[in-house]
C-alpha atoms as a PDB file:
ATOM      1  CA  UNK A   1      82.399  92.189 160.440  1.00  0.00           C
ATOM      2  CA  UNK A   2      80.035  89.364 159.433  1.00  0.00           C
ATOM      3  CA  UNK A   3      77.512  90.225 156.708  1.00  0.00           C
ATOM      4  CA  UNK A   4      74.108  88.628 157.144  1.00  0.00           C
ATOM      5  CA  UNK A   5      70.862  88.203 155.242  1.00  0.00           C
ATOM      6  CA  UNK A   6      67.544  86.519 156.024  1.00  0.00           C
ATOM      7  CA  UNK A   7      66.359  83.379 154.209  1.00  0.00           C
ATOM      8  CA  UNK A   8      62.994  81.951 155.273  1.00  0.00           C
ATOM      9  CA  UNK A   9      63.077  83.997 158.506  1.00  0.00           C
ATOM     10  CA  UNK A  10      66.512  82.569 159.328  1.00  0.00           C
ATOM     11  CA  UNK A  11      69.490  84.902 159.682  1.00  0.00           C
ATOM     12  CA  UNK A  12      72.471  83.516 157.760  1.00  0.00           C
ATOM     13  CA  UNK A  13      76.011  84.823 157.083  1.00  0.00           C
ATOM     14  CA  UNK A  14      77.436  85.260 153.590  1.00  0.00           C
ATOM     15  CA  UNK A  15      80.530  86.489 151.763  1.00  0.00           C
ATOM     16  CA  UNK A  16      80.488  89.414 149.379  1.00  0.00           C
ATOM     17  CA  UNK A  17      79.919  88.292 145.796  1.00  0.00           C
ATOM     18  CA  UNK A  18      77.919  85.200 146.675  1.00  0.00           C
ATOM     19  CA  UNK A  19      74.552  84.631 145.023  1.00  0.00           C
ATOM     20  CA  UNK A  20      71.409  83.763 146.961  1.00  0.00           C
ATOM     21  CA  UNK A  21      71.739  80.158 145.781  1.00  0.00           C
ATOM     22  CA  UNK A  22      75.341  79.911 146.992  1.00  0.00           C
ATOM     23  CA  UNK A  23      74.423  81.386 150.378  1.00  0.00           C
ATOM     24  CA  UNK A  24      71.499  78.991 150.754  1.00  0.00           C
ATOM     25  CA  UNK A  25      73.622  75.946 149.917  1.00  0.00           C
ATOM     26  CA  UNK A  26      76.392  77.070 152.254  1.00  0.00           C
ATOM     27  CA  UNK A  27      73.834  77.220 155.064  1.00  0.00           C
ATOM     28  CA  UNK A  28      72.009  73.972 154.332  1.00  0.00           C
ATOM     29  CA  UNK A  29      68.887  75.584 152.852  1.00  0.00           C
ATOM     30  CA  UNK A  30      67.411  73.709 149.882  1.00  0.00           C
ATOM     31  CA  UNK A  31      66.818  75.605 146.653  1.00  0.00           C
ATOM     32  CA  UNK A  32      66.581  73.340 143.595  1.00  0.00           C
ATOM     33  CA  UNK A  33      68.662  74.114 140.522  1.00  0.00           C
ATOM     34  CA  UNK A  34      69.423  72.332 137.246  1.00  0.00           C
ATOM     35  CA  UNK A  35      71.428  74.726 135.069  1.00  0.00           C
ATOM     36  CA  UNK A  36      73.717  76.050 137.829  1.00  0.00           C
ATOM     37  CA  UNK A  37      76.969  74.340 138.717  1.00  0.00           C
ATOM     38  CA  UNK A  38      79.759  75.837 140.785  1.00  0.00           C
ATOM     39  CA  UNK A  39      82.259  75.270 137.969  1.00  0.00           C
ATOM     40  CA  UNK A  40      80.126  76.691 135.171  1.00  0.00           C
ATOM     41  CA  UNK A  41      78.599  79.633 137.041  1.00  0.00           C
ATOM     42  CA  UNK A  42      75.189  81.251 136.954  1.00  0.00           C
ATOM     43  CA  UNK A  43      73.020  80.539 133.956  1.00  0.00           C
ATOM     44  CA  UNK A  44      69.389  81.412 134.786  1.00  0.00           C
ATOM     45  CA  UNK A  45      68.188  79.033 132.059  1.00  0.00           C
ATOM     46  CA  UNK A  46      66.131  76.451 133.934  1.00  0.00           C
ATOM     47  CA  UNK A  47      64.509  78.917 136.376  1.00  0.00           C
ATOM     48  CA  UNK A  48      63.912  76.120 138.879  1.00  0.00           C
ATOM     49  CA  UNK A  49      65.720  78.152 141.535  1.00  0.00           C
ATOM     50  CA  UNK A  50      63.155  80.971 141.599  1.00  0.00           C
ATOM     51  CA  UNK A  51      62.626  82.681 144.957  1.00  0.00           C
ATOM     52  CA  UNK A  52      60.855  85.719 146.317  1.00  0.00           C
ATOM     53  CA  UNK A  53      63.058  88.705 147.223  1.00  0.00           C
ATOM     54  CA  UNK A  54      61.631  91.525 149.286  1.00  0.00           C
ATOM     55  CA  UNK A  55      61.507  94.745 147.263  1.00  0.00           C
ATOM     56  CA  UNK A  56      61.831  93.041 143.867  1.00  0.00           C
ATOM     57  CA  UNK A  57      58.860  92.441 141.557  1.00  0.00           C
ATOM     58  CA  UNK A  58      58.013  88.900 140.564  1.00  0.00           C
ATOM     59  CA  UNK A  59      60.062  85.791 141.202  1.00  0.00           C
ATOM     60  CA  UNK A  60      63.850  85.986 140.887  1.00  0.00           C
ATOM     61  CA  UNK A  61      66.433  83.334 139.982  1.00  0.00           C
ATOM     62  CA  UNK A  62      68.526  82.635 143.064  1.00  0.00           C
ATOM     63  CA  UNK A  63      71.573  81.686 140.973  1.00  0.00           C
ATOM     64  CA  UNK A  64      71.873  85.160 139.418  1.00  0.00           C
ATOM     65  CA  UNK A  65      70.957  87.587 142.246  1.00  0.00           C
ATOM     66  CA  UNK A  66      73.824  88.600 144.502  1.00  0.00           C
ATOM     67  CA  UNK A  67      73.205  88.560 148.237  1.00  0.00           C
ATOM     68  CA  UNK A  68      73.011  91.895 150.045  1.00  0.00           C
ATOM     69  CA  UNK A  69      73.085  92.795 153.702  1.00  0.00           C
ATOM     70  CA  UNK A  70      69.684  92.391 155.386  1.00  0.00           C
ATOM     71  CA  UNK A  71      68.140  91.050 152.152  1.00  0.00           C
ATOM     72  CA  UNK A  72      64.996  89.021 152.873  1.00  0.00           C
ATOM     73  CA  UNK A  73      64.373  85.929 150.743  1.00  0.00           C
ATOM     74  CA  UNK A  74      61.540  83.396 150.714  1.00  0.00           C
ATOM     75  CA  UNK A  75      62.395  80.040 149.112  1.00  0.00           C
ATOM     76  CA  UNK A  76      59.042  78.268 149.457  1.00  0.00           C
ATOM     77  CA  UNK A  77      55.446  79.432 149.116  1.00  0.00           C
ATOM     78  CA  UNK A  78      52.484  78.537 146.879  1.00  0.00           C
ATOM     79  CA  UNK A  79      53.534  80.854 144.024  1.00  0.00           C
ATOM     80  CA  UNK A  80      57.120  79.546 144.018  1.00  0.00           C
ATOM     81  CA  UNK A  81      56.083  75.897 144.158  1.00  0.00           C
ATOM     82  CA  UNK A  82      53.537  76.401 141.350  1.00  0.00           C
ATOM     83  CA  UNK A  83      56.229  77.949 139.135  1.00  0.00           C
ATOM     84  CA  UNK A  84      58.694  75.142 139.874  1.00  0.00           C
ATOM     85  CA  UNK A  85      56.103  72.436 139.223  1.00  0.00           C
ATOM     86  CA  UNK A  86      55.191  74.007 135.875  1.00  0.00           C
ATOM     87  CA  UNK A  87      58.841  74.074 134.785  1.00  0.00           C
ATOM     88  CA  UNK A  88      59.530  70.494 135.891  1.00  0.00           C
ATOM     89  CA  UNK A  89      56.341  69.243 134.220  1.00  0.00           C
ATOM     90  CA  UNK A  90      57.382  70.886 130.949  1.00  0.00           C
ATOM     91  CA  UNK A  91      60.893  69.417 131.160  1.00  0.00           C
ATOM     92  CA  UNK A  92      59.545  65.951 131.886  1.00  0.00           C
ATOM     93  CA  UNK A  93      56.996  66.175 129.074  1.00  0.00           C
ATOM     94  CA  UNK A  94      59.445  67.437 126.447  1.00  0.00           C
ATOM     95  CA  UNK A  95      61.965  64.615 126.838  1.00  0.00           C
ATOM     96  CA  UNK A  96      62.281  60.866 127.200  1.00  0.00           C
ATOM     97  CA  UNK A  97      62.787  60.733 130.967  1.00  0.00           C
ATOM     98  CA  UNK A  98      62.231  57.037 131.604  1.00  0.00           C
ATOM     99  CA  UNK A  99      63.889  56.801 135.000  1.00  0.00           C
ATOM    100  CA  UNK A 100      63.787  53.001 135.256  1.00  0.00           C
ATOM    101  CA  UNK A 101      65.958  52.566 132.155  1.00  0.00           C
ATOM    102  CA  UNK A 102      68.168  55.624 132.649  1.00  0.00           C
ATOM    103  CA  UNK A 103      71.825  55.362 133.698  1.00  0.00           C
ATOM    104  CA  UNK A 104      71.399  58.523 135.787  1.00  0.00           C
ATOM    105  CA  UNK A 105      68.662  56.976 137.930  1.00  0.00           C
ATOM    106  CA  UNK A 106      69.533  57.804 141.528  1.00  0.00           C
ATOM    107  CA  UNK A 107      71.893  60.684 140.710  1.00  0.00           C
ATOM    108  CA  UNK A 108      69.666  62.617 138.295  1.00  0.00           C
ATOM    109  CA  UNK A 109      69.044  66.175 139.479  1.00  0.00           C
ATOM    110  CA  UNK A 110      65.778  66.476 137.554  1.00  0.00           C
ATOM    111  CA  UNK A 111      64.565  63.274 139.214  1.00  0.00           C
ATOM    112  CA  UNK A 112      65.471  64.732 142.617  1.00  0.00           C
ATOM    113  CA  UNK A 113      63.562  67.990 141.978  1.00  0.00           C
ATOM    114  CA  UNK A 114      60.518  66.059 140.738  1.00  0.00           C
ATOM    115  CA  UNK A 115      60.631  63.920 143.877  1.00  0.00           C
ATOM    116  CA  UNK A 116      60.866  66.976 146.140  1.00  0.00           C
ATOM    117  CA  UNK A 117      57.886  68.537 144.344  1.00  0.00           C
ATOM    118  CA  UNK A 118      55.851  65.325 144.455  1.00  0.00           C
ATOM    119  CA  UNK A 119      55.631  64.920 140.665  1.00  0.00           C
ATOM    120  CA  UNK A 120      55.254  61.278 139.606  1.00  0.00           C
ATOM    121  CA  UNK A 121      54.442  61.827 135.923  1.00  0.00           C
ATOM    122  CA  UNK A 122      54.295  64.915 133.669  1.00  0.00           C
ATOM    123  CA  UNK A 123      51.051  66.821 133.511  1.00  0.00           C
ATOM    124  CA  UNK A 124      51.471  67.520 129.771  1.00  0.00           C
ATOM    125  CA  UNK A 125      52.178  65.582 126.589  1.00  0.00           C
ATOM    126  CA  UNK A 126      54.459  67.157 123.979  1.00  0.00           C
ATOM    127  CA  UNK A 127      54.937  65.582 120.551  1.00  0.00           C
ATOM    128  CA  UNK A 128      58.334  63.974 119.910  1.00  0.00           C
ATOM    129  CA  UNK A 129      60.866  66.034 118.014  1.00  0.00           C
ATOM    130  CA  UNK A 130      61.635  64.660 114.558  1.00  0.00           C
ATOM    131  CA  UNK A 131      65.432  64.510 114.649  1.00  0.00           C
ATOM    132  CA  UNK A 132      68.168  62.022 115.556  1.00  0.00           C
ATOM    133  CA  UNK A 133      67.949  61.391 119.265  1.00  0.00           C
ATOM    134  CA  UNK A 134      70.736  58.918 120.116  1.00  0.00           C
ATOM    135  CA  UNK A 135      74.434  59.336 119.332  1.00  0.00           C
ATOM    136  CA  UNK A 136      76.775  56.511 120.309  1.00  0.00           C
ATOM    137  CA  UNK A 137      79.305  57.190 117.541  1.00  0.00           C
ATOM    138  CA  UNK A 138      82.170  58.152 119.856  1.00  0.00           C
ATOM    139  CA  UNK A 139      84.410  55.758 121.747  1.00  0.00           C
ATOM    140  CA  UNK A 140      83.592  56.732 125.324  1.00  0.00           C
ATOM    141  CA  UNK A 141      80.464  58.929 125.439  1.00  0.00           C
ATOM    142  CA  UNK A 142      76.802  58.389 124.580  1.00  0.00           C
ATOM    143  CA  UNK A 143      74.501  61.353 123.897  1.00  0.00           C
ATOM    144  CA  UNK A 144      70.744  60.870 124.255  1.00  0.00           C
ATOM    145  CA  UNK A 145      69.275  64.143 123.014  1.00  0.00           C
ATOM    146  CA  UNK A 146      65.745  63.203 124.069  1.00  0.00           C
ATOM    147  CA  UNK A 147      66.871  63.294 127.698  1.00  0.00           C
ATOM    148  CA  UNK A 148      68.516  66.731 127.336  1.00  0.00           C
ATOM    149  CA  UNK A 149      66.950  69.603 129.304  1.00  0.00           C
ATOM    150  CA  UNK A 150      69.097  72.252 127.543  1.00  0.00           C
ATOM    151  CA  UNK A 151      70.597  73.528 130.785  1.00  0.00           C
ATOM    152  CA  UNK A 152      73.862  74.423 129.020  1.00  0.00           C
ATOM    153  CA  UNK A 153      76.168  72.988 131.676  1.00  0.00           C
ATOM    154  CA  UNK A 154      77.932  70.698 129.214  1.00  0.00           C
ATOM    155  CA  UNK A 155      78.520  73.643 126.875  1.00  0.00           C
ATOM    156  CA  UNK A 156      79.941  75.864 129.612  1.00  0.00           C
ATOM    157  CA  UNK A 157      82.185  73.063 130.826  1.00  0.00           C
ATOM    158  CA  UNK A 158      83.436  72.240 127.325  1.00  0.00           C
ATOM    159  CA  UNK A 159      84.070  75.870 126.346  1.00  0.00           C
ATOM    160  CA  UNK A 160      85.238  77.456 129.591  1.00  0.00           C
ATOM    161  CA  UNK A 161      86.471  74.721 131.954  1.00  0.00           C
ATOM    162  CA  UNK A 162      88.406  72.365 129.683  1.00  0.00           C
ATOM    163  CA  UNK A 163      88.358  74.812 126.731  1.00  0.00           C
ATOM    164  CA  UNK A 164      87.892  72.222 123.986  1.00  0.00           C
ATOM    165  CA  UNK A 165      85.140  74.340 122.389  1.00  0.00           C
ATOM    166  CA  UNK A 166      83.254  71.458 120.791  1.00  0.00           C
ATOM    167  CA  UNK A 167      79.716  71.818 122.164  1.00  0.00           C
ATOM    168  CA  UNK A 168      77.204  74.615 121.596  1.00  0.00           C
ATOM    169  CA  UNK A 169      73.499  75.202 121.118  1.00  0.00           C
ATOM    170  CA  UNK A 170      72.312  74.825 117.538  1.00  0.00           C
ATOM    171  CA  UNK A 171      69.100  75.805 115.733  1.00  0.00           C
ATOM    172  CA  UNK A 172      66.248  77.782 117.317  1.00  0.00           C
ATOM    173  CA  UNK A 173      62.937  77.458 119.099  1.00  0.00           C
ATOM    174  CA  UNK A 174      61.510  73.941 119.310  1.00  0.00           C
ATOM    175  CA  UNK A 175      64.450  72.622 117.261  1.00  0.00           C
ATOM    176  CA  UNK A 176      67.150  73.855 119.654  1.00  0.00           C
ATOM    177  CA  UNK A 177      69.621  71.166 120.709  1.00  0.00           C
ATOM    178  CA  UNK A 178      73.201  70.739 121.862  1.00  0.00           C
ATOM    179  CA  UNK A 179      75.470  70.079 118.878  1.00  0.00           C
ATOM    180  CA  UNK A 180      79.105  69.067 118.327  1.00  0.00           C
ATOM    181  CA  UNK A 181      81.022  71.480 116.065  1.00  0.00           C
ATOM    182  CA  UNK A 182      78.693  72.266 113.122  1.00  0.00           C
ATOM    183  CA  UNK A 183      76.209  69.537 114.098  1.00  0.00           C
ATOM    184  CA  UNK A 184      78.433  66.512 113.504  1.00  0.00           C
ATOM    185  CA  UNK A 185      77.948  63.259 115.333  1.00  0.00           C
ATOM    186  CA  UNK A 186      80.320  63.198 118.299  1.00  0.00           C
ATOM    187  CA  UNK A 187      82.486  60.426 116.813  1.00  0.00           C
ATOM    188  CA  UNK A 188      83.291  62.596 113.786  1.00  0.00           C
ATOM    189  CA  UNK A 189      83.690  65.861 115.703  1.00  0.00           C
ATOM    190  CA  UNK A 190      86.760  67.465 117.265  1.00  0.00           C
ATOM    191  CA  UNK A 191      85.801  66.079 120.706  1.00  0.00           C
ATOM    192  CA  UNK A 192      88.786  64.641 122.621  1.00  0.00           C
ATOM    193  CA  UNK A 193      86.570  62.479 124.874  1.00  0.00           C
ATOM    194  CA  UNK A 194      87.632  64.051 128.168  1.00  0.00           C
ATOM    195  CA  UNK A 195      84.149  63.388 129.583  1.00  0.00           C
ATOM    196  CA  UNK A 196      83.733  66.777 131.287  1.00  0.00           C
ATOM    197  CA  UNK A 197      80.290  67.059 129.672  1.00  0.00           C
ATOM    198  CA  UNK A 198      79.255  63.680 131.073  1.00  0.00           C
ATOM    199  CA  UNK A 199      80.351  64.694 134.561  1.00  0.00           C
ATOM    200  CA  UNK A 200      78.469  68.005 134.456  1.00  0.00           C
ATOM    201  CA  UNK A 201      75.236  66.736 132.874  1.00  0.00           C
ATOM    202  CA  UNK A 202      72.507  66.842 135.552  1.00  0.00           C
ATOM    203  CA  UNK A 203      70.384  64.177 133.834  1.00  0.00           C
ATOM    204  CA  UNK A 204      71.030  61.109 131.650  1.00  0.00           C
ATOM    205  CA  UNK A 205      71.572  62.983 128.376  1.00  0.00           C
ATOM    206  CA  UNK A 206      75.357  62.451 128.317  1.00  0.00           C
ATOM    207  CA  UNK A 207      76.703  59.270 129.861  1.00  0.00           C
ATOM    208  CA  UNK A 208      79.888  57.186 129.938  1.00  0.00           C
ATOM    209  CA  UNK A 209      79.542  54.377 127.391  1.00  0.00           C
ATOM    210  CA  UNK A 210      81.757  51.921 129.273  1.00  0.00           C
ATOM    211  CA  UNK A 211      79.629  52.027 132.428  1.00  0.00           C
ATOM    212  CA  UNK A 212      76.212  51.488 130.817  1.00  0.00           C
ATOM    213  CA  UNK A 213      74.463  48.520 132.390  1.00  0.00           C
ATOM    214  CA  UNK A 214      77.359  47.800 134.752  1.00  0.00           C
ATOM    215  CA  UNK A 215      75.615  48.835 137.976  1.00  0.00           C
ATOM    216  CA  UNK A 216      73.281  51.336 139.599  1.00  0.00           C
ATOM    217  CA  UNK A 217      74.886  54.231 141.517  1.00  0.00           C
ATOM    218  CA  UNK A 218      73.617  52.947 144.866  1.00  0.00           C
ATOM    219  CA  UNK A 219      75.185  49.520 144.218  1.00  0.00           C
ATOM    220  CA  UNK A 220      78.667  50.907 143.629  1.00  0.00           C
ATOM    221  CA  UNK A 221      81.242  51.861 146.250  1.00  0.00           C
ATOM    222  CA  UNK A 222      83.024  55.169 145.646  1.00  0.00           C
ATOM    223  CA  UNK A 223      86.739  55.085 146.414  1.00  0.00           C
ATOM    224  CA  UNK A 224      88.744  58.306 146.213  1.00  0.00           C
ATOM    225  CA  UNK A 225      92.246  57.967 144.824  1.00  0.00           C
ATOM    226  CA  UNK A 226      94.915  59.710 142.736  1.00  0.00           C
ATOM    227  CA  UNK A 227      95.072  59.231 138.980  1.00  0.00           C
ATOM    228  CA  UNK A 228      98.151  57.100 138.184  1.00  0.00           C
ATOM    229  CA  UNK A 229      98.845  58.355 134.672  1.00  0.00           C
ATOM    230  CA  UNK A 230     100.986  61.483 135.144  1.00  0.00           C
ATOM    231  CA  UNK A 231     102.409  63.754 137.811  1.00  0.00           C
ATOM    232  CA  UNK A 232      99.584  66.328 137.976  1.00  0.00           C
ATOM    233  CA  UNK A 233      97.929  64.434 140.822  1.00  0.00           C
ATOM    234  CA  UNK A 234      94.309  64.594 139.624  1.00  0.00           C
ATOM    235  CA  UNK A 235      91.886  63.316 142.231  1.00  0.00           C
ATOM    236  CA  UNK A 236      89.165  60.904 141.178  1.00  0.00           C
ATOM    237  CA  UNK A 237      86.554  58.458 142.389  1.00  0.00           C
ATOM    238  CA  UNK A 238      86.613  54.802 141.411  1.00  0.00           C
ATOM    239  CA  UNK A 239      83.066  53.408 141.276  1.00  0.00           C
ATOM    240  CA  UNK A 240      83.559  49.789 142.288  1.00  0.00           C
ATOM    241  CA  UNK A 241      81.219  46.813 142.100  1.00  0.00           C
ATOM    242  CA  UNK A 242      81.948  45.183 145.442  1.00  0.00           C
ATOM    243  CA  UNK A 243      80.598  41.814 144.328  1.00  0.00           C
ATOM    244  CA  UNK A 244      83.114  41.467 141.482  1.00  0.00           C
ATOM    245  CA  UNK A 245      85.675  44.043 142.676  1.00  0.00           C
ATOM    246  CA  UNK A 246      85.533  45.557 139.175  1.00  0.00           C
ATOM    247  CA  UNK A 247      85.914  49.273 138.523  1.00  0.00           C
ATOM    248  CA  UNK A 248      82.920  50.167 136.344  1.00  0.00           C
ATOM    249  CA  UNK A 249      83.248  53.940 136.212  1.00  0.00           C
ATOM    250  CA  UNK A 250      85.589  56.822 137.050  1.00  0.00           C
ATOM    251  CA  UNK A 251      84.555  60.391 137.896  1.00  0.00           C
ATOM    252  CA  UNK A 252      86.670  63.388 138.822  1.00  0.00           C
ATOM    253  CA  UNK A 253      86.694  64.616 142.416  1.00  0.00           C
ATOM    254  CA  UNK A 254      85.268  68.129 142.471  1.00  0.00           C
ATOM    255  CA  UNK A 255      87.064  70.360 144.944  1.00  0.00           C
ATOM    256  CA  UNK A 256      90.570  69.065 144.280  1.00  0.00           C
ATOM    257  CA  UNK A 257      93.146  71.806 143.712  1.00  0.00           C
ATOM    258  CA  UNK A 258      94.784  69.700 141.018  1.00  0.00           C
ATOM    259  CA  UNK A 259      91.795  69.124 138.724  1.00  0.00           C
ATOM    260  CA  UNK A 260      88.491  70.139 140.387  1.00  0.00           C
ATOM    261  CA  UNK A 261      86.685  67.221 138.749  1.00  0.00           C
ATOM    262  CA  UNK A 262      88.211  67.533 135.270  1.00  0.00           C
ATOM    263  CA  UNK A 263      90.080  64.544 133.823  1.00  0.00           C
ATOM    264  CA  UNK A 264      91.774  63.656 130.548  1.00  0.00           C
ATOM    265  CA  UNK A 265      90.565  60.746 128.430  1.00  0.00           C
ATOM    266  CA  UNK A 266      93.102  58.382 130.034  1.00  0.00           C
ATOM    267  CA  UNK A 267      92.256  59.371 133.590  1.00  0.00           C
ATOM    268  CA  UNK A 268      88.500  59.015 133.088  1.00  0.00           C
ATOM    269  CA  UNK A 269      88.301  56.063 130.719  1.00  0.00           C
ATOM    270  CA  UNK A 270      91.660  54.288 130.749  1.00  0.00           C
ATOM    271  CA  UNK A 271      90.979  51.875 133.595  1.00  0.00           C
ATOM    272  CA  UNK A 272      90.508  48.575 131.732  1.00  0.00           C
ATOM    273  CA  UNK A 273      93.968  47.404 132.783  1.00  0.00           C
ATOM    274  CA  UNK A 274      92.881  47.138 136.425  1.00  0.00           C
ATOM    275  CA  UNK A 275      90.710  44.070 135.870  1.00  0.00           C
ATOM    276  CA  UNK A 276      92.312  42.837 132.649  1.00  0.00           C
ATOM    277  CA  UNK A 277      92.737  39.074 132.372  1.00  0.00           C
ATOM    278  CA  UNK A 278      96.008  39.721 130.503  1.00  0.00           C
ATOM    279  CA  UNK A 279      97.745  41.147 133.582  1.00  0.00           C
ATOM    280  CA  UNK A 280     100.729  39.107 134.735  1.00  0.00           C
ATOM    281  CA  UNK A 281     100.217  37.297 138.017  1.00  0.00           C
ATOM    282  CA  UNK A 282     103.609  35.566 138.301  1.00  0.00           C
ATOM    283  CA  UNK A 283     107.153  36.610 137.320  1.00  0.00           C
ATOM    284  CA  UNK A 284     108.462  35.346 133.954  1.00  0.00           C
ATOM    285  CA  UNK A 285     112.074  34.534 133.058  1.00  0.00           C
ATOM    286  CA  UNK A 286     113.140  34.140 129.433  1.00  0.00           C
ATOM    287  CA  UNK A 287     115.231  31.071 128.645  1.00  0.00           C
ATOM    288  CA  UNK A 288     116.167  29.930 125.133  1.00  0.00           C
ATOM    289  CA  UNK A 289     113.899  32.592 123.634  1.00  0.00           C
ATOM    290  CA  UNK A 290     110.825  31.582 125.623  1.00  0.00           C
ATOM    291  CA  UNK A 291     109.288  32.777 128.900  1.00  0.00           C
ATOM    292  CA  UNK A 292     108.758  30.420 131.797  1.00  0.00           C
ATOM    293  CA  UNK A 293     107.028  31.068 135.110  1.00  0.00           C
ATOM    294  CA  UNK A 294     109.223  31.610 138.144  1.00  0.00           C
ATOM    295  CA  UNK A 295     108.797  32.269 141.856  1.00  0.00           C
ATOM    296  CA  UNK A 296     109.244  35.772 143.213  1.00  0.00           C
ATOM    297  CA  UNK A 297     112.367  34.683 145.109  1.00  0.00           C
ATOM    298  CA  UNK A 298     113.979  33.272 141.964  1.00  0.00           C
ATOM    299  CA  UNK A 299     113.046  36.308 139.859  1.00  0.00           C
ATOM    300  CA  UNK A 300     114.335  38.845 142.403  1.00  0.00           C
ATOM    301  CA  UNK A 301     117.603  36.955 142.883  1.00  0.00           C
ATOM    302  CA  UNK A 302     118.024  36.729 139.097  1.00  0.00           C
ATOM    303  CA  UNK A 303     117.504  40.510 138.594  1.00  0.00           C
ATOM    304  CA  UNK A 304     119.757  41.355 141.548  1.00  0.00           C
ATOM    305  CA  UNK A 305     122.593  39.210 140.178  1.00  0.00           C
ATOM    306  CA  UNK A 306     122.283  40.865 136.757  1.00  0.00           C
ATOM    307  CA  UNK A 307     122.305  44.346 138.313  1.00  0.00           C
ATOM    308  CA  UNK A 308     125.386  43.531 140.399  1.00  0.00           C
ATOM    309  CA  UNK A 309     127.298  42.166 137.404  1.00  0.00           C
ATOM    310  CA  UNK A 310     126.434  45.228 135.270  1.00  0.00           C
ATOM    311  CA  UNK A 311     127.492  47.604 138.089  1.00  0.00           C
ATOM    312  CA  UNK A 312     130.760  45.720 138.536  1.00  0.00           C
ATOM    313  CA  UNK A 313     131.592  45.733 134.823  1.00  0.00           C
ATOM    314  CA  UNK A 314     130.235  49.144 133.689  1.00  0.00           C
ATOM    315  CA  UNK A 315     129.195  51.178 136.752  1.00  0.00           C
ATOM    316  CA  UNK A 316     125.818  52.131 138.168  1.00  0.00           C
ATOM    317  CA  UNK A 317     125.003  54.616 135.394  1.00  0.00           C
ATOM    318  CA  UNK A 318     124.928  51.762 132.886  1.00  0.00           C
ATOM    319  CA  UNK A 319     121.535  50.929 134.441  1.00  0.00           C
ATOM    320  CA  UNK A 320     118.351  52.953 133.886  1.00  0.00           C
ATOM    321  CA  UNK A 321     114.877  52.580 135.344  1.00  0.00           C
ATOM    322  CA  UNK A 322     111.545  53.304 133.640  1.00  0.00           C
ATOM    323  CA  UNK A 323     108.587  53.669 136.025  1.00  0.00           C
ATOM    324  CA  UNK A 324     104.966  52.909 135.180  1.00  0.00           C
ATOM    325  CA  UNK A 325     101.795  55.007 135.204  1.00  0.00           C
ATOM    326  CA  UNK A 326      99.768  51.895 135.951  1.00  0.00           C
ATOM    327  CA  UNK A 327     100.986  51.504 139.518  1.00  0.00           C
ATOM    328  CA  UNK A 328     100.393  53.772 142.505  1.00  0.00           C
ATOM    329  CA  UNK A 329     102.321  56.948 143.311  1.00  0.00           C
ATOM    330  CA  UNK A 330     103.694  55.208 146.394  1.00  0.00           C
ATOM    331  CA  UNK A 331     105.084  52.361 144.288  1.00  0.00           C
ATOM    332  CA  UNK A 332     106.646  54.829 141.852  1.00  0.00           C
ATOM    333  CA  UNK A 333     108.256  56.681 144.764  1.00  0.00           C
ATOM    334  CA  UNK A 334     109.692  53.432 146.113  1.00  0.00           C
ATOM    335  CA  UNK A 335     110.992  52.561 142.643  1.00  0.00           C
ATOM    336  CA  UNK A 336     112.892  55.826 142.137  1.00  0.00           C
ATOM    337  CA  UNK A 337     114.243  55.599 145.697  1.00  0.00           C
ATOM    338  CA  UNK A 338     115.518  52.097 144.958  1.00  0.00           C
ATOM    339  CA  UNK A 339     117.187  53.231 141.723  1.00  0.00           C
ATOM    340  CA  UNK A 340     118.921  56.195 143.365  1.00  0.00           C
ATOM    341  CA  UNK A 341     119.914  54.629 146.680  1.00  0.00           C
ATOM    342  CA  UNK A 342     120.403  50.917 146.048  1.00  0.00           C
ATOM    343  CA  UNK A 343     121.382  50.856 142.370  1.00  0.00           C
ATOM    344  CA  UNK A 344     123.156  54.209 142.626  1.00  0.00           C
ATOM    345  CA  UNK A 345     121.939  55.990 139.492  1.00  0.00           C
ATOM    346  CA  UNK A 346     119.787  59.017 138.670  1.00  0.00           C
ATOM    347  CA  UNK A 347     118.778  57.477 135.335  1.00  0.00           C
ATOM    348  CA  UNK A 348     115.087  57.289 136.240  1.00  0.00           C
ATOM    349  CA  UNK A 349     112.204  58.216 133.946  1.00  0.00           C
ATOM    350  CA  UNK A 350     108.474  57.619 133.705  1.00  0.00           C
ATOM    351  CA  UNK A 351     106.297  56.404 130.851  1.00  0.00           C
ATOM    352  CA  UNK A 352     103.902  59.345 131.273  1.00  0.00           C
ATOM    353  CA  UNK A 353     106.610  61.658 129.852  1.00  0.00           C
ATOM    354  CA  UNK A 354     107.201  59.636 126.699  1.00  0.00           C
END
């Protein structure tokens, strides 16, 4: 039996346990939201997702109200739009949301809501907070507190998704902000630089340091691939500058059974080797204590002759193979197949285990 409800006079199906926001998104109905993310769950902090529910007084947050059979919901009317505009105006006024200079320009969820509501500049002016606003003390992540909208997504992700328990809200009232540990700068905190907070941040408050100034989101090609570092099989997107063919950013693929968007510090930030000028481009053979360049044919014949002589003198198990995390899974598979079938040994290991 299909359970249905009515959103904006449209009958839509839903599954038990879904919220109004989840039902709307599943059926292509737009309800803005900033604090909600599928991975971090309902929050009801930003209140951008307010809707009108028949039989309930006042406006309700769509991310926290569970859908019921025959429930009637209105997502857009004058009262709802007025409430949303007020909230967005306050968020824009209370932070440094300079879209032209922001790394999140084009993928910022606050920018998208403001655009949908037709807000070009905030209707209010709020005095700047007198506290440190910019933290670039860590290796891979930059925190710009003045851009923070205090949605709590980074905190939920840090504490409940990757369970590093570094981030939390500190202080009260006008002084409330997201802090690391007991309000340390990120570089001196217990943060392991996994970047989950940067992936979940809906604005430009937490960004990847290595990608700053390297390209706008709309200029970069997203290529889905598998992380090469270990055997978990985490899925990720490479953000590639097609003009230079350089990878300028990595984000986790949300929806993957292996990682659902989460990555370790190596998977998210350890991609410098791809475009490194120090990568070897030709085989090298050592003679008299020094390396010289060789052709592929010469190098392969040289290795093959050495392998054959070792097998003849000491047997196949005198040879071992160590695979690399910096090549593709397909290349690693071919390598272990070669070691087992052609060389004749099971002495195969991988650098990700060591």
